[in-house]
Every structure is written in C-alpha cells, then in structure tokens.
Amino acid sequence: MDVMDREHTLEFLSQHVKTDMLMKHLLSVEASMIGYAHKFGEPEEQWGIAGLLHDFDWEICPTPEDHPNFGAQILRDHGYPEEMVR
C-alpha cells in the first residue's frame, strides 16, 4: 500500500491518535492545506497528507520539546518519504 495515500494515512492515524479532539484538529489542518495547495498550484493530496500528519504524535510524545523528532522517527519507520517527514 502507498503510504502517500489518504486512506493509508487515516489507517496509520487510527493507530496513533487517541482522542477525537486531535483527530478533528488533523482533519481541519488537512482541509486548510488542500486549500493552500489548490491556491498555489501544488499537489493537493500530498499537502493534505502533510496536514493530517503534522501533529499525529502529540498525545504519545513524552515531551513537547521532543515532539518533532519523536514523530519524524515513527513516520520514517512506517515508510513515509523524507519530504513528508520534514
């Protein structure tokens, strides 16, 4: 399965996101990112997936300071490309 597919990403999120509140946040950012991608002529699905993933580890990361690196390693371990991890 392609990790850059929205359905795959939603399945990934179901394994890592614990609360409806965080999921609603991620979906809202996804919608915003798709809008910006459309405005700037960028790939909408890719930008949407970036929005979905940007805070996925917020509830499981030990400290806010570690949040970016903690999540980045999980994304790498699940095969997300470096352009998405950054």
C-alpha atoms as a PDB file:
ATOM      1  CA  MET A   1       0.000   0.000   0.000  1.00  0.00           C
ATOM      2  CA  ASP A   2       1.198   3.506  -0.847  1.00  0.00           C
ATOM      3  CA  VAL A   3       1.972   5.472   2.315  1.00  0.00           C
ATOM      4  CA  MET A   4       1.223   8.684   0.430  1.00  0.00           C
ATOM      5  CA  ASP A   5      -2.401   7.610   0.060  1.00  0.00           C
ATOM      6  CA  ARG A   6      -5.043   9.318   2.230  1.00  0.00           C
ATOM      7  CA  GLU A   7      -6.749   6.045   3.199  1.00  0.00           C
ATOM      8  CA  HIS A   8      -3.442   4.550   4.319  1.00  0.00           C
ATOM      9  CA  THR A   9      -2.697   7.688   6.318  1.00  0.00           C
ATOM     10  CA  LEU A  10      -6.104   7.561   8.022  1.00  0.00           C
ATOM     11  CA  GLU A  11      -5.402   3.940   8.987  1.00  0.00           C
ATOM     12  CA  PHE A  12      -1.992   4.997  10.332  1.00  0.00           C
ATOM     13  CA  LEU A  13      -3.663   7.751  12.361  1.00  0.00           C
ATOM     14  CA  SER A  14      -6.190   5.310  13.816  1.00  0.00           C
ATOM     15  CA  GLN A  15      -3.246   3.502  15.403  1.00  0.00           C
ATOM     16  CA  HIS A  16      -1.639   6.632  16.882  1.00  0.00           C
ATOM     17  CA  VAL A  17      -4.332   9.239  17.590  1.00  0.00           C
ATOM     18  CA  LYS A  18      -6.226   8.635  20.822  1.00  0.00           C
ATOM     19  CA  THR A  19      -8.794  11.454  21.016  1.00  0.00           C
ATOM     20  CA  ASP A  20     -11.499  12.828  18.752  1.00  0.00           C
ATOM     21  CA  MET A  21     -10.264  16.327  19.511  1.00  0.00           C
ATOM     22  CA  LEU A  22      -6.838  15.676  17.992  1.00  0.00           C
ATOM     23  CA  MET A  23      -8.377  13.878  15.013  1.00  0.00           C
ATOM     24  CA  LYS A  24     -10.674  16.846  14.344  1.00  0.00           C
ATOM     25  CA  HIS A  25      -7.643  19.141  14.508  1.00  0.00           C
ATOM     26  CA  LEU A  26      -5.740  16.997  11.994  1.00  0.00           C
ATOM     27  CA  LEU A  27      -8.726  16.868   9.615  1.00  0.00           C
ATOM     28  CA  SER A  28      -9.147  20.644   9.853  1.00  0.00           C
ATOM     29  CA  VAL A  29      -5.500  21.240   9.035  1.00  0.00           C
ATOM     30  CA  GLU A  30      -5.788  18.757   6.153  1.00  0.00           C
ATOM     31  CA  ALA A  31      -8.648  20.808   4.682  1.00  0.00           C
ATOM     32  CA  SER A  32      -6.668  24.030   5.069  1.00  0.00           C
ATOM     33  CA  MET A  33      -3.593  22.508   3.455  1.00  0.00           C
ATOM     34  CA  ILE A  34      -5.629  21.260   0.488  1.00  0.00           C
ATOM     35  CA  GLY A  35      -6.985  24.784   0.046  1.00  0.00           C
ATOM     36  CA  TYR A  36      -3.495  26.274   0.109  1.00  0.00           C
ATOM     37  CA  ALA A  37      -2.202  23.637  -2.302  1.00  0.00           C
ATOM     38  CA  HIS A  38      -5.004  24.489  -4.720  1.00  0.00           C
ATOM     39  CA  LYS A  39      -4.275  28.209  -4.392  1.00  0.00           C
ATOM     40  CA  PHE A  40      -0.556  27.752  -5.058  1.00  0.00           C
ATOM     41  CA  GLY A  41      -0.849  25.024  -7.711  1.00  0.00           C
ATOM     42  CA  GLU A  42       0.741  22.325  -5.564  1.00  0.00           C
ATOM     43  CA  PRO A  43      -0.237  18.633  -5.201  1.00  0.00           C
ATOM     44  CA  GLU A  44      -3.395  18.680  -3.093  1.00  0.00           C
ATOM     45  CA  GLU A  45      -3.295  15.103  -1.797  1.00  0.00           C
ATOM     46  CA  GLN A  46       0.340  15.416  -0.724  1.00  0.00           C
ATOM     47  CA  TRP A  47      -0.302  18.690   1.079  1.00  0.00           C
ATOM     48  CA  GLY A  48      -3.427  17.216   2.669  1.00  0.00           C
ATOM     49  CA  ILE A  49      -1.471  14.250   3.985  1.00  0.00           C
ATOM     50  CA  ALA A  50       1.110  16.640   5.438  1.00  0.00           C
ATOM     51  CA  GLY A  51      -1.733  18.358   7.272  1.00  0.00           C
ATOM     52  CA  LEU A  52      -3.031  15.053   8.584  1.00  0.00           C
ATOM     53  CA  LEU A  53       0.371  14.012   9.880  1.00  0.00           C
ATOM     54  CA  HIS A  54       1.743  17.263  11.289  1.00  0.00           C
ATOM     55  CA  ASP A  55       0.668  16.637  14.931  1.00  0.00           C
ATOM     56  CA  PHE A  56      -0.195  12.923  14.924  1.00  0.00           C
ATOM     57  CA  ASP A  57       2.262  12.204  17.761  1.00  0.00           C
ATOM     58  CA  TRP A  58       1.112  14.999  20.075  1.00  0.00           C
ATOM     59  CA  GLU A  59      -0.628  12.650  22.526  1.00  0.00           C
ATOM     60  CA  ILE A  60       2.062   9.975  22.579  1.00  0.00           C
ATOM     61  CA  CYS A  61       5.243  12.054  22.623  1.00  0.00           C
ATOM     62  CA  PRO A  62       6.964  12.166  26.031  1.00  0.00           C
ATOM     63  CA  THR A  63       7.585  15.945  25.965  1.00  0.00           C
ATOM     64  CA  PRO A  64       6.577  18.864  23.724  1.00  0.00           C
ATOM     65  CA  GLU A  65      10.268  19.562  23.058  1.00  0.00           C
ATOM     66  CA  ASP A  66      10.712  16.060  21.608  1.00  0.00           C
ATOM     67  CA  HIS A  67       7.514  16.238  19.536  1.00  0.00           C
ATOM     68  CA  PRO A  68       9.095  16.931  16.098  1.00  0.00           C
ATOM     69  CA  ASN A  69      11.853  14.311  16.320  1.00  0.00           C
ATOM     70  CA  PHE A  70       9.695  11.688  18.020  1.00  0.00           C
ATOM     71  CA  GLY A  71       7.057  11.801  15.290  1.00  0.00           C
ATOM     72  CA  ALA A  72       9.610  12.018  12.499  1.00  0.00           C
ATOM     73  CA  GLN A  73      11.148   8.707  13.515  1.00  0.00           C
ATOM     74  CA  ILE A  74       7.748   6.999  13.624  1.00  0.00           C
ATOM     75  CA  LEU A  75       6.975   8.295  10.124  1.00  0.00           C
ATOM     76  CA  ARG A  76      10.329   7.027   8.833  1.00  0.00           C
ATOM     77  CA  ASP A  77       9.723   3.638  10.449  1.00  0.00           C
ATOM     78  CA  HIS A  78       6.386   3.438   8.608  1.00  0.00           C
ATOM     79  CA  GLY A  79       7.944   4.253   5.239  1.00  0.00           C
ATOM     80  CA  TYR A  80       6.881   7.864   4.774  1.00  0.00           C
ATOM     81  CA  PRO A  81       9.274   9.665   2.403  1.00  0.00           C
ATOM     82  CA  GLU A  82      11.717  12.190   3.813  1.00  0.00           C
ATOM     83  CA  GLU A  83       9.920  15.053   2.051  1.00  0.00           C
ATOM     84  CA  MET A  84       6.872  14.254   4.188  1.00  0.00           C
ATOM     85  CA  VAL A  85       8.864  13.700   7.380  1.00  0.00           C
ATOM     86  CA  ARG A  86      10.446  17.143   7.193  1.00  0.00           C
END
